[in-house]
């Protein structure tokens, strides 16, 4: 089984736990760099995927909703984000593999915006997740709703001091949730 993990720093910090929860004879591919926003994914997705690929677990969004220091606009407007996802999803739908779309994870807006020069807002992540899930359903992709699962569990005690990234327990939990979605998909391959 060949698996590709594409995503931002949340993916990067949890991927070792994801790999630990999957069979050792599976090939797990992931870029060494942070895939950041949908802009970067559109540009680099073809080089980030293993070929052939059986299952792709992918996310982007937390960098799209970011307001860089001094900026009055997000990195990607919701319209641009949706357009980028359409390009990404069109590309992925042409591959002979299963696609799992993961929602962007929740964060503590107040803590994050006090500790970072860039700003993010929960209302934006909720809106972008809704847009992405609607589109993913149109493509018949599996949805791994990390936002909902982490919100249901209660995530504040799983966050680092920046209010956005997760501590060891949080990363282990995300790795478990990602690997479970991949396991489920692999049964129907």
N, C-alpha and C. Protein backbone atom coordinates (compact mmCIF):
# COMPACT_ATOMS: atom_id res chain seq x y z
N UNK A 1 0.85 -1.17 0.00
CA UNK A 1 0.00 0.00 0.00
C UNK A 1 0.90 1.24 0.00
N UNK A 2 0.66 2.16 -0.93
CA UNK A 2 1.41 3.41 -1.02
C UNK A 2 0.52 4.57 -0.56
N UNK A 3 0.98 5.28 0.45
CA UNK A 3 0.20 6.35 1.06
C UNK A 3 0.96 7.67 0.92
N UNK A 4 0.25 8.74 0.56
CA UNK A 4 0.85 10.09 0.56
C UNK A 4 0.14 10.95 1.59
N UNK A 5 0.93 11.64 2.39
CA UNK A 5 0.42 12.60 3.37
C UNK A 5 0.82 13.99 2.91
N UNK A 6 -0.16 14.83 2.64
CA UNK A 6 0.09 16.20 2.19
C UNK A 6 -0.59 17.13 3.18
N UNK A 7 0.14 18.13 3.66
CA UNK A 7 -0.49 19.07 4.59
C UNK A 7 0.50 20.02 5.23
N UNK A 8 -0.03 20.81 6.12
CA UNK A 8 0.72 21.88 6.78
C UNK A 8 1.51 21.36 7.98
N UNK A 9 1.88 22.24 8.89
CA UNK A 9 2.68 21.85 10.06
C UNK A 9 1.93 20.90 10.99
N UNK A 10 0.62 20.94 10.99
CA UNK A 10 -0.15 19.98 11.79
C UNK A 10 0.14 18.57 11.27
N UNK A 11 0.16 18.39 9.96
CA UNK A 11 0.55 17.11 9.37
C UNK A 11 1.98 16.74 9.73
N UNK A 12 2.87 17.71 9.62
CA UNK A 12 4.29 17.45 9.87
C UNK A 12 4.53 16.96 11.30
N UNK A 13 3.87 17.59 12.27
CA UNK A 13 4.10 17.27 13.68
C UNK A 13 3.43 15.96 14.09
N UNK A 14 2.40 15.54 13.37
CA UNK A 14 1.68 14.31 13.75
C UNK A 14 2.05 13.12 12.87
N UNK A 15 2.80 13.32 11.80
CA UNK A 15 3.01 12.24 10.83
C UNK A 15 3.80 11.06 11.39
N UNK A 16 4.72 11.30 12.33
CA UNK A 16 5.44 10.15 12.92
C UNK A 16 4.47 9.23 13.65
N UNK A 17 3.48 9.82 14.31
CA UNK A 17 2.46 9.01 15.00
C UNK A 17 1.56 8.31 13.98
N UNK A 18 1.25 8.98 12.89
CA UNK A 18 0.46 8.35 11.82
C UNK A 18 1.20 7.13 11.31
N UNK A 19 2.48 7.30 11.00
CA UNK A 19 3.29 6.20 10.45
C UNK A 19 3.37 5.04 11.44
N UNK A 20 3.53 5.34 12.74
CA UNK A 20 3.62 4.30 13.77
C UNK A 20 2.37 3.43 13.81
N UNK A 21 1.23 4.00 13.47
CA UNK A 21 -0.05 3.29 13.55
C UNK A 21 -0.41 2.54 12.27
N UNK A 22 0.45 2.58 11.27
CA UNK A 22 0.19 1.90 10.00
C UNK A 22 1.19 0.74 9.83
N UNK A 23 0.85 -0.25 9.01
CA UNK A 23 1.76 -1.39 8.83
C UNK A 23 3.14 -0.98 8.33
N UNK A 24 4.14 -1.65 8.83
CA UNK A 24 5.52 -1.31 8.49
C UNK A 24 5.85 -1.62 7.03
N UNK A 25 5.07 -2.49 6.39
CA UNK A 25 5.35 -2.79 4.99
C UNK A 25 4.63 -1.84 4.03
N UNK A 26 3.89 -0.87 4.56
CA UNK A 26 3.29 0.15 3.72
C UNK A 26 4.31 1.25 3.48
N UNK A 27 4.31 1.80 2.28
CA UNK A 27 5.19 2.93 1.96
C UNK A 27 4.42 4.22 2.24
N UNK A 28 4.94 5.00 3.18
CA UNK A 28 4.30 6.26 3.56
C UNK A 28 5.18 7.40 3.06
N UNK A 29 4.65 8.19 2.16
CA UNK A 29 5.38 9.29 1.53
C UNK A 29 4.84 10.63 2.04
N UNK A 30 5.74 11.56 2.27
CA UNK A 30 5.33 12.92 2.66
C UNK A 30 6.46 13.88 2.32
N UNK A 31 6.11 15.11 1.97
CA UNK A 31 7.16 16.10 1.71
C UNK A 31 7.84 16.49 3.01
N UNK A 32 9.11 16.84 2.91
CA UNK A 32 9.84 17.28 4.10
C UNK A 32 9.43 18.69 4.51
N UNK A 33 8.94 19.47 3.56
CA UNK A 33 8.57 20.84 3.86
C UNK A 33 7.10 20.95 4.26
N UNK A 34 6.80 22.08 4.88
CA UNK A 34 5.43 22.45 5.22
C UNK A 34 4.72 22.80 3.92
N UNK A 35 3.61 22.14 3.65
CA UNK A 35 2.88 22.39 2.40
C UNK A 35 2.08 23.69 2.44
N UNK A 36 1.92 24.27 3.63
CA UNK A 36 1.30 25.57 3.87
C UNK A 36 -0.07 25.72 3.21
N UNK A 37 -0.24 26.73 2.40
CA UNK A 37 -1.58 27.09 1.90
C UNK A 37 -1.94 26.34 0.62
N UNK A 38 -3.19 26.51 0.22
CA UNK A 38 -3.65 25.90 -1.04
C UNK A 38 -2.86 26.42 -2.23
N UNK A 39 -2.30 27.62 -2.12
CA UNK A 39 -1.46 28.17 -3.20
C UNK A 39 -0.25 27.28 -3.46
N UNK A 40 0.42 26.86 -2.37
CA UNK A 40 1.59 25.99 -2.51
C UNK A 40 1.19 24.60 -2.98
N UNK A 41 0.05 24.11 -2.49
CA UNK A 41 -0.38 22.77 -2.88
C UNK A 41 -0.67 22.73 -4.38
N UNK A 42 -1.35 23.75 -4.90
CA UNK A 42 -1.61 23.81 -6.34
C UNK A 42 -0.30 23.73 -7.12
N UNK A 43 0.70 24.45 -6.67
CA UNK A 43 1.97 24.53 -7.38
C UNK A 43 2.80 23.25 -7.29
N UNK A 44 2.75 22.56 -6.14
CA UNK A 44 3.71 21.48 -5.89
C UNK A 44 3.12 20.09 -5.74
N UNK A 45 1.82 19.94 -5.82
CA UNK A 45 1.22 18.64 -5.48
C UNK A 45 1.78 17.48 -6.29
N UNK A 46 2.03 17.69 -7.56
CA UNK A 46 2.50 16.57 -8.39
C UNK A 46 3.86 16.05 -7.92
N UNK A 47 4.71 16.90 -7.38
CA UNK A 47 6.01 16.42 -6.90
C UNK A 47 5.94 15.87 -5.48
N UNK A 48 4.88 16.19 -4.74
CA UNK A 48 4.74 15.73 -3.36
C UNK A 48 4.09 14.35 -3.25
N UNK A 49 3.46 13.86 -4.30
CA UNK A 49 2.78 12.57 -4.24
C UNK A 49 3.70 11.44 -4.67
N UNK A 50 3.51 10.28 -4.06
CA UNK A 50 4.23 9.10 -4.55
C UNK A 50 3.45 8.54 -5.74
N UNK A 51 4.16 7.92 -6.63
CA UNK A 51 3.53 7.31 -7.81
C UNK A 51 3.95 5.84 -7.87
N UNK A 52 3.06 4.89 -7.97
CA UNK A 52 1.61 5.08 -7.87
C UNK A 52 1.21 5.29 -6.42
N UNK A 53 0.03 5.81 -6.23
CA UNK A 53 -0.46 6.09 -4.89
C UNK A 53 -1.80 5.39 -4.70
N UNK A 54 -1.98 4.74 -3.56
CA UNK A 54 -3.25 4.08 -3.26
C UNK A 54 -4.19 4.99 -2.49
N UNK A 55 -3.63 5.72 -1.52
CA UNK A 55 -4.44 6.61 -0.67
C UNK A 55 -3.67 7.90 -0.45
N UNK A 56 -4.38 9.02 -0.60
CA UNK A 56 -3.82 10.35 -0.31
C UNK A 56 -4.63 10.95 0.82
N UNK A 57 -3.94 11.35 1.89
CA UNK A 57 -4.58 12.10 2.99
C UNK A 57 -4.04 13.52 2.87
N UNK A 58 -4.94 14.47 2.67
CA UNK A 58 -4.52 15.83 2.32
C UNK A 58 -5.31 16.88 3.09
N UNK A 59 -4.64 17.96 3.44
CA UNK A 59 -5.32 19.12 4.00
C UNK A 59 -4.53 20.38 3.70
N UNK A 60 -5.23 21.49 3.71
CA UNK A 60 -4.64 22.83 3.70
C UNK A 60 -5.75 23.79 4.09
N UNK A 61 -5.38 24.89 4.69
CA UNK A 61 -6.39 25.86 5.09
C UNK A 61 -5.93 26.82 6.17
N UNK A 62 -5.16 26.32 7.15
CA UNK A 62 -4.73 27.20 8.24
C UNK A 62 -3.84 28.33 7.75
N UNK A 63 -3.07 28.08 6.70
CA UNK A 63 -2.25 29.16 6.13
C UNK A 63 -3.08 30.05 5.22
N UNK A 64 -4.13 29.51 4.63
CA UNK A 64 -5.00 30.31 3.77
C UNK A 64 -5.75 31.37 4.58
N UNK A 65 -6.16 31.03 5.80
CA UNK A 65 -6.94 31.98 6.62
C UNK A 65 -6.06 32.98 7.37
N UNK A 66 -4.75 32.83 7.27
CA UNK A 66 -3.82 33.67 8.02
C UNK A 66 -3.77 35.10 7.46
N UNK A 67 -3.82 36.05 8.37
CA UNK A 67 -3.53 37.45 8.04
C UNK A 67 -2.06 37.68 8.42
N UNK A 68 -1.20 37.88 7.44
CA UNK A 68 0.20 38.18 7.75
C UNK A 68 0.29 39.51 8.47
N UNK A 69 1.37 39.70 9.21
CA UNK A 69 1.54 40.94 9.97
C UNK A 69 1.33 42.16 9.07
N UNK A 70 0.42 43.04 9.50
CA UNK A 70 0.14 44.28 8.79
C UNK A 70 -0.78 44.13 7.58
N UNK A 71 -1.15 42.90 7.24
CA UNK A 71 -2.00 42.67 6.06
C UNK A 71 -3.47 42.86 6.41
N UNK A 72 -4.22 43.40 5.48
CA UNK A 72 -5.66 43.56 5.68
C UNK A 72 -6.46 42.45 5.01
N UNK A 73 -5.76 41.57 4.28
CA UNK A 73 -6.41 40.46 3.58
C UNK A 73 -5.77 39.14 4.03
N UNK A 74 -6.57 38.09 4.00
CA UNK A 74 -6.05 36.75 4.29
C UNK A 74 -5.11 36.32 3.16
N UNK A 75 -4.29 35.34 3.43
CA UNK A 75 -3.40 34.79 2.40
C UNK A 75 -4.23 34.38 1.18
N UNK A 76 -5.37 33.74 1.40
CA UNK A 76 -6.28 33.38 0.31
C UNK A 76 -7.70 33.72 0.72
N UNK A 77 -8.38 34.48 -0.10
CA UNK A 77 -9.79 34.73 0.15
C UNK A 77 -10.53 33.39 0.05
N UNK A 78 -11.74 33.33 0.57
CA UNK A 78 -12.50 32.08 0.48
C UNK A 78 -12.76 31.71 -0.98
N UNK A 79 -12.93 32.70 -1.84
CA UNK A 79 -13.12 32.44 -3.28
C UNK A 79 -11.87 31.84 -3.89
N UNK A 80 -10.72 32.40 -3.56
CA UNK A 80 -9.44 31.87 -4.07
C UNK A 80 -9.17 30.47 -3.52
N UNK A 81 -9.47 30.27 -2.24
CA UNK A 81 -9.29 28.96 -1.61
C UNK A 81 -10.14 27.91 -2.35
N UNK A 82 -11.39 28.22 -2.59
CA UNK A 82 -12.28 27.30 -3.28
C UNK A 82 -11.77 27.02 -4.70
N UNK A 83 -11.31 28.04 -5.40
CA UNK A 83 -10.77 27.86 -6.76
C UNK A 83 -9.52 26.97 -6.73
N UNK A 84 -8.64 27.20 -5.74
CA UNK A 84 -7.44 26.37 -5.60
C UNK A 84 -7.82 24.91 -5.32
N UNK A 85 -8.78 24.72 -4.41
CA UNK A 85 -9.20 23.35 -4.09
C UNK A 85 -9.78 22.66 -5.32
N UNK A 86 -10.50 23.40 -6.13
CA UNK A 86 -11.06 22.79 -7.34
C UNK A 86 -9.93 22.30 -8.25
N UNK A 87 -8.88 23.08 -8.39
CA UNK A 87 -7.73 22.66 -9.19
C UNK A 87 -7.09 21.41 -8.58
N UNK A 88 -6.88 21.44 -7.27
CA UNK A 88 -6.27 20.30 -6.56
C UNK A 88 -7.15 19.06 -6.68
N UNK A 89 -8.45 19.23 -6.43
CA UNK A 89 -9.37 18.10 -6.46
C UNK A 89 -9.53 17.54 -7.87
N UNK A 90 -9.53 18.41 -8.88
CA UNK A 90 -9.57 17.94 -10.27
C UNK A 90 -8.36 17.04 -10.56
N UNK A 91 -7.19 17.50 -10.11
CA UNK A 91 -5.96 16.73 -10.32
C UNK A 91 -6.06 15.37 -9.60
N UNK A 92 -6.45 15.40 -8.33
CA UNK A 92 -6.52 14.17 -7.55
C UNK A 92 -7.57 13.20 -8.09
N UNK A 93 -8.66 13.73 -8.61
CA UNK A 93 -9.73 12.87 -9.11
C UNK A 93 -9.31 12.10 -10.36
N UNK A 94 -8.28 12.55 -11.04
CA UNK A 94 -7.78 11.85 -12.23
C UNK A 94 -6.82 10.72 -11.88
N UNK A 95 -6.39 10.66 -10.63
CA UNK A 95 -5.48 9.60 -10.20
C UNK A 95 -6.31 8.38 -9.80
N UNK A 96 -5.73 7.24 -9.92
CA UNK A 96 -6.44 6.00 -9.57
C UNK A 96 -6.17 5.67 -8.10
N UNK A 97 -6.73 6.50 -7.21
CA UNK A 97 -6.49 6.30 -5.79
C UNK A 97 -7.64 6.86 -4.96
N UNK A 98 -7.65 6.49 -3.70
CA UNK A 98 -8.62 7.03 -2.75
C UNK A 98 -8.07 8.35 -2.21
N UNK A 99 -8.96 9.31 -2.00
CA UNK A 99 -8.56 10.61 -1.46
C UNK A 99 -9.31 10.86 -0.16
N UNK A 100 -8.56 11.23 0.87
CA UNK A 100 -9.14 11.62 2.15
C UNK A 100 -8.84 13.10 2.34
N UNK A 101 -9.88 13.90 2.43
CA UNK A 101 -9.73 15.32 2.71
C UNK A 101 -9.87 15.53 4.21
N UNK A 102 -8.89 16.19 4.83
CA UNK A 102 -8.95 16.47 6.26
C UNK A 102 -9.24 17.94 6.49
N UNK A 103 -10.16 18.21 7.39
CA UNK A 103 -10.45 19.60 7.72
C UNK A 103 -9.31 20.20 8.54
N UNK A 104 -9.24 21.52 8.51
CA UNK A 104 -8.24 22.23 9.32
C UNK A 104 -8.61 22.12 10.78
N UNK A 105 -7.60 22.02 11.61
CA UNK A 105 -7.82 21.78 13.04
C UNK A 105 -8.23 23.06 13.77
N UNK A 106 -8.93 22.90 14.89
CA UNK A 106 -9.31 24.07 15.69
C UNK A 106 -8.10 24.63 16.43
N UNK A 107 -8.24 25.83 16.93
CA UNK A 107 -7.16 26.47 17.68
C UNK A 107 -7.78 27.45 18.67
N UNK A 108 -6.95 27.92 19.60
CA UNK A 108 -7.39 28.91 20.57
C UNK A 108 -7.07 30.29 19.99
N UNK A 109 -8.08 30.92 19.46
CA UNK A 109 -7.93 32.19 18.75
C UNK A 109 -7.28 33.27 19.63
N UNK A 110 -7.75 33.42 20.86
CA UNK A 110 -7.22 34.47 21.74
C UNK A 110 -5.74 34.25 22.05
N UNK A 111 -5.39 33.03 22.42
CA UNK A 111 -3.99 32.73 22.74
C UNK A 111 -3.12 32.90 21.49
N UNK A 112 -3.59 32.35 20.39
CA UNK A 112 -2.81 32.42 19.15
C UNK A 112 -2.55 33.87 18.74
N UNK A 113 -3.59 34.69 18.75
CA UNK A 113 -3.44 36.06 18.28
C UNK A 113 -2.67 36.95 19.25
N UNK A 114 -2.53 36.53 20.49
CA UNK A 114 -1.67 37.25 21.45
C UNK A 114 -0.21 36.87 21.27
N UNK A 115 0.05 35.66 20.80
CA UNK A 115 1.43 35.16 20.71
C UNK A 115 2.06 35.27 19.32
N UNK A 116 1.27 35.49 18.32
CA UNK A 116 1.79 35.53 16.95
C UNK A 116 1.57 36.90 16.32
N UNK A 117 2.50 37.30 15.46
CA UNK A 117 2.33 38.55 14.74
C UNK A 117 1.29 38.40 13.64
N UNK A 118 1.19 37.21 13.06
CA UNK A 118 0.10 36.94 12.12
C UNK A 118 -1.15 36.60 12.92
N UNK A 119 -2.30 36.73 12.32
CA UNK A 119 -3.57 36.50 13.02
C UNK A 119 -4.40 35.47 12.28
N UNK A 120 -5.18 34.69 13.04
CA UNK A 120 -6.14 33.74 12.50
C UNK A 120 -7.40 33.83 13.35
N UNK A 121 -8.54 33.51 12.71
CA UNK A 121 -9.83 33.60 13.40
C UNK A 121 -10.63 32.32 13.18
N UNK A 122 -11.24 31.83 14.26
CA UNK A 122 -12.00 30.59 14.20
C UNK A 122 -13.16 30.67 13.20
N UNK A 123 -13.80 31.81 13.11
CA UNK A 123 -14.91 31.95 12.15
C UNK A 123 -14.43 31.63 10.74
N UNK A 124 -13.20 32.02 10.41
CA UNK A 124 -12.66 31.74 9.08
C UNK A 124 -12.40 30.25 8.89
N UNK A 125 -11.80 29.61 9.89
CA UNK A 125 -11.52 28.18 9.73
C UNK A 125 -12.82 27.39 9.59
N UNK A 126 -13.84 27.80 10.31
CA UNK A 126 -15.14 27.13 10.19
C UNK A 126 -15.70 27.31 8.78
N UNK A 127 -15.65 28.54 8.26
CA UNK A 127 -16.16 28.81 6.91
C UNK A 127 -15.36 28.04 5.85
N UNK A 128 -14.03 28.06 5.95
CA UNK A 128 -13.20 27.39 4.96
C UNK A 128 -13.39 25.87 5.04
N UNK A 129 -13.56 25.34 6.24
CA UNK A 129 -13.84 23.90 6.37
C UNK A 129 -15.17 23.54 5.71
N UNK A 130 -16.17 24.37 5.89
CA UNK A 130 -17.47 24.10 5.25
C UNK A 130 -17.35 24.10 3.74
N UNK A 131 -16.65 25.09 3.20
CA UNK A 131 -16.43 25.18 1.75
C UNK A 131 -15.68 23.95 1.25
N UNK A 132 -14.62 23.57 1.96
CA UNK A 132 -13.81 22.43 1.51
C UNK A 132 -14.58 21.12 1.59
N UNK A 133 -15.36 20.93 2.64
CA UNK A 133 -16.12 19.68 2.78
C UNK A 133 -17.21 19.57 1.72
N UNK A 134 -17.86 20.68 1.43
CA UNK A 134 -18.89 20.67 0.37
C UNK A 134 -18.27 20.24 -0.96
N UNK A 135 -17.11 20.80 -1.27
CA UNK A 135 -16.43 20.47 -2.51
C UNK A 135 -15.93 19.02 -2.49
N UNK A 136 -15.36 18.59 -1.37
CA UNK A 136 -14.86 17.21 -1.26
C UNK A 136 -16.00 16.20 -1.47
N UNK A 137 -17.18 16.51 -0.95
CA UNK A 137 -18.33 15.62 -1.15
C UNK A 137 -18.72 15.56 -2.63
N UNK A 138 -18.62 16.68 -3.33
CA UNK A 138 -18.92 16.70 -4.77
C UNK A 138 -17.99 15.77 -5.55
N UNK A 139 -16.76 15.62 -5.06
CA UNK A 139 -15.79 14.74 -5.70
C UNK A 139 -15.84 13.32 -5.14
N UNK A 140 -16.72 13.10 -4.20
CA UNK A 140 -16.87 11.79 -3.56
C UNK A 140 -15.61 11.37 -2.81
N UNK A 141 -14.90 12.35 -2.25
CA UNK A 141 -13.74 12.07 -1.41
C UNK A 141 -14.22 11.75 0.00
N UNK A 142 -13.45 10.97 0.71
CA UNK A 142 -13.69 10.71 2.13
C UNK A 142 -13.30 11.97 2.91
N UNK A 143 -14.05 12.29 3.96
CA UNK A 143 -13.73 13.46 4.78
C UNK A 143 -13.31 12.99 6.17
N UNK A 144 -12.13 13.40 6.57
CA UNK A 144 -11.64 13.18 7.94
C UNK A 144 -11.82 14.50 8.67
N UNK A 145 -12.89 14.64 9.41
CA UNK A 145 -13.23 15.91 10.06
C UNK A 145 -12.45 16.07 11.36
N UNK A 146 -11.17 16.43 11.22
CA UNK A 146 -10.32 16.63 12.40
C UNK A 146 -10.85 17.77 13.27
N UNK A 147 -11.40 18.80 12.64
CA UNK A 147 -11.94 19.92 13.41
C UNK A 147 -13.02 19.44 14.37
N UNK A 148 -13.98 18.71 13.85
CA UNK A 148 -15.09 18.25 14.68
C UNK A 148 -14.62 17.26 15.74
N UNK A 149 -13.77 16.32 15.35
CA UNK A 149 -13.29 15.31 16.30
C UNK A 149 -12.51 15.93 17.45
N UNK A 150 -11.64 16.88 17.14
CA UNK A 150 -10.84 17.52 18.19
C UNK A 150 -11.70 18.45 19.05
N UNK A 151 -12.70 19.08 18.43
CA UNK A 151 -13.61 19.93 19.19
C UNK A 151 -14.44 19.08 20.15
N UNK A 152 -14.92 17.93 19.68
CA UNK A 152 -15.71 17.04 20.52
C UNK A 152 -14.89 16.51 21.71
N UNK A 153 -13.63 16.21 21.45
CA UNK A 153 -12.74 15.68 22.50
C UNK A 153 -12.37 16.77 23.50
N UNK A 154 -12.24 18.00 23.01
CA UNK A 154 -11.74 19.11 23.83
C UNK A 154 -10.25 19.24 23.60
N UNK A 155 -9.86 20.27 22.90
CA UNK A 155 -8.48 20.37 22.41
C UNK A 155 -7.59 21.37 23.17
N UNK A 156 -8.15 22.22 24.02
CA UNK A 156 -7.34 23.27 24.63
C UNK A 156 -6.16 22.74 25.43
N UNK A 157 -6.34 21.61 26.11
CA UNK A 157 -5.22 21.05 26.88
C UNK A 157 -4.24 20.29 26.00
N UNK A 158 -4.51 20.23 24.69
CA UNK A 158 -3.62 19.55 23.74
C UNK A 158 -2.78 20.54 22.93
N UNK A 159 -2.97 21.84 23.19
CA UNK A 159 -2.28 22.87 22.41
C UNK A 159 -1.00 23.33 23.08
N UNK A 160 -0.05 23.77 22.26
CA UNK A 160 1.15 24.43 22.76
C UNK A 160 0.82 25.87 23.13
N UNK A 161 1.81 26.58 23.61
CA UNK A 161 1.61 27.97 24.05
C UNK A 161 1.22 28.92 22.93
N UNK A 162 1.43 28.52 21.66
CA UNK A 162 1.04 29.41 20.56
C UNK A 162 -0.45 29.30 20.23
N UNK A 163 -1.16 28.39 20.89
CA UNK A 163 -2.60 28.25 20.69
C UNK A 163 -3.01 27.62 19.37
N UNK A 164 -2.04 27.23 18.54
CA UNK A 164 -2.33 26.68 17.21
C UNK A 164 -1.80 25.27 17.03
N UNK A 165 -0.56 25.07 17.42
CA UNK A 165 0.09 23.77 17.26
C UNK A 165 -0.19 22.90 18.49
N UNK A 166 0.01 21.60 18.31
CA UNK A 166 -0.36 20.65 19.34
C UNK A 166 0.86 20.10 20.08
N UNK A 167 0.64 19.75 21.34
CA UNK A 167 1.69 19.13 22.16
C UNK A 167 1.80 17.65 21.76
N UNK A 168 2.67 16.93 22.45
CA UNK A 168 2.92 15.53 22.12
C UNK A 168 1.63 14.71 22.15
N UNK A 169 0.82 14.90 23.18
CA UNK A 169 -0.44 14.16 23.28
C UNK A 169 -1.38 14.52 22.14
N UNK A 170 -1.44 15.79 21.80
CA UNK A 170 -2.29 16.24 20.69
C UNK A 170 -1.82 15.68 19.36
N UNK A 171 -0.50 15.71 19.13
CA UNK A 171 0.03 15.15 17.88
C UNK A 171 -0.20 13.65 17.79
N UNK A 172 -0.07 12.96 18.92
CA UNK A 172 -0.34 11.51 18.94
C UNK A 172 -1.81 11.25 18.61
N UNK A 173 -2.69 12.05 19.16
CA UNK A 173 -4.12 11.89 18.88
C UNK A 173 -4.42 12.16 17.40
N UNK A 174 -3.87 13.23 16.85
CA UNK A 174 -4.08 13.53 15.44
C UNK A 174 -3.52 12.41 14.57
N UNK A 175 -2.33 11.91 14.91
CA UNK A 175 -1.76 10.78 14.18
C UNK A 175 -2.67 9.56 14.22
N UNK A 176 -3.30 9.33 15.36
CA UNK A 176 -4.24 8.22 15.49
C UNK A 176 -5.47 8.44 14.60
N UNK A 177 -6.01 9.66 14.61
CA UNK A 177 -7.19 9.96 13.80
C UNK A 177 -6.89 9.85 12.31
N UNK A 178 -5.71 10.30 11.91
CA UNK A 178 -5.32 10.21 10.49
C UNK A 178 -5.12 8.75 10.10
N UNK A 179 -4.40 7.98 10.92
CA UNK A 179 -4.16 6.58 10.57
C UNK A 179 -5.46 5.78 10.56
N UNK A 180 -6.38 6.08 11.45
CA UNK A 180 -7.68 5.39 11.45
C UNK A 180 -8.43 5.66 10.14
N UNK A 181 -8.38 6.90 9.66
CA UNK A 181 -9.07 7.22 8.40
C UNK A 181 -8.41 6.48 7.24
N UNK A 182 -7.09 6.37 7.27
CA UNK A 182 -6.37 5.65 6.21
C UNK A 182 -6.69 4.15 6.28
N UNK A 183 -6.70 3.59 7.48
CA UNK A 183 -7.06 2.16 7.66
C UNK A 183 -8.45 1.90 7.08
N UNK A 184 -9.39 2.76 7.43
CA UNK A 184 -10.77 2.59 6.94
C UNK A 184 -10.81 2.63 5.43
N UNK A 185 -10.12 3.59 4.84
CA UNK A 185 -10.07 3.70 3.37
C UNK A 185 -9.42 2.49 2.74
N UNK A 186 -8.39 1.95 3.37
CA UNK A 186 -7.65 0.82 2.79
C UNK A 186 -8.52 -0.43 2.70
N UNK A 187 -9.52 -0.55 3.55
CA UNK A 187 -10.41 -1.71 3.52
C UNK A 187 -11.31 -1.71 2.30
N UNK A 188 -11.50 -0.52 1.73
CA UNK A 188 -12.40 -0.39 0.59
C UNK A 188 -11.66 -0.13 -0.71
N UNK A 189 -10.35 -0.31 -0.69
CA UNK A 189 -9.53 -0.05 -1.87
C UNK A 189 -9.74 -1.12 -2.91
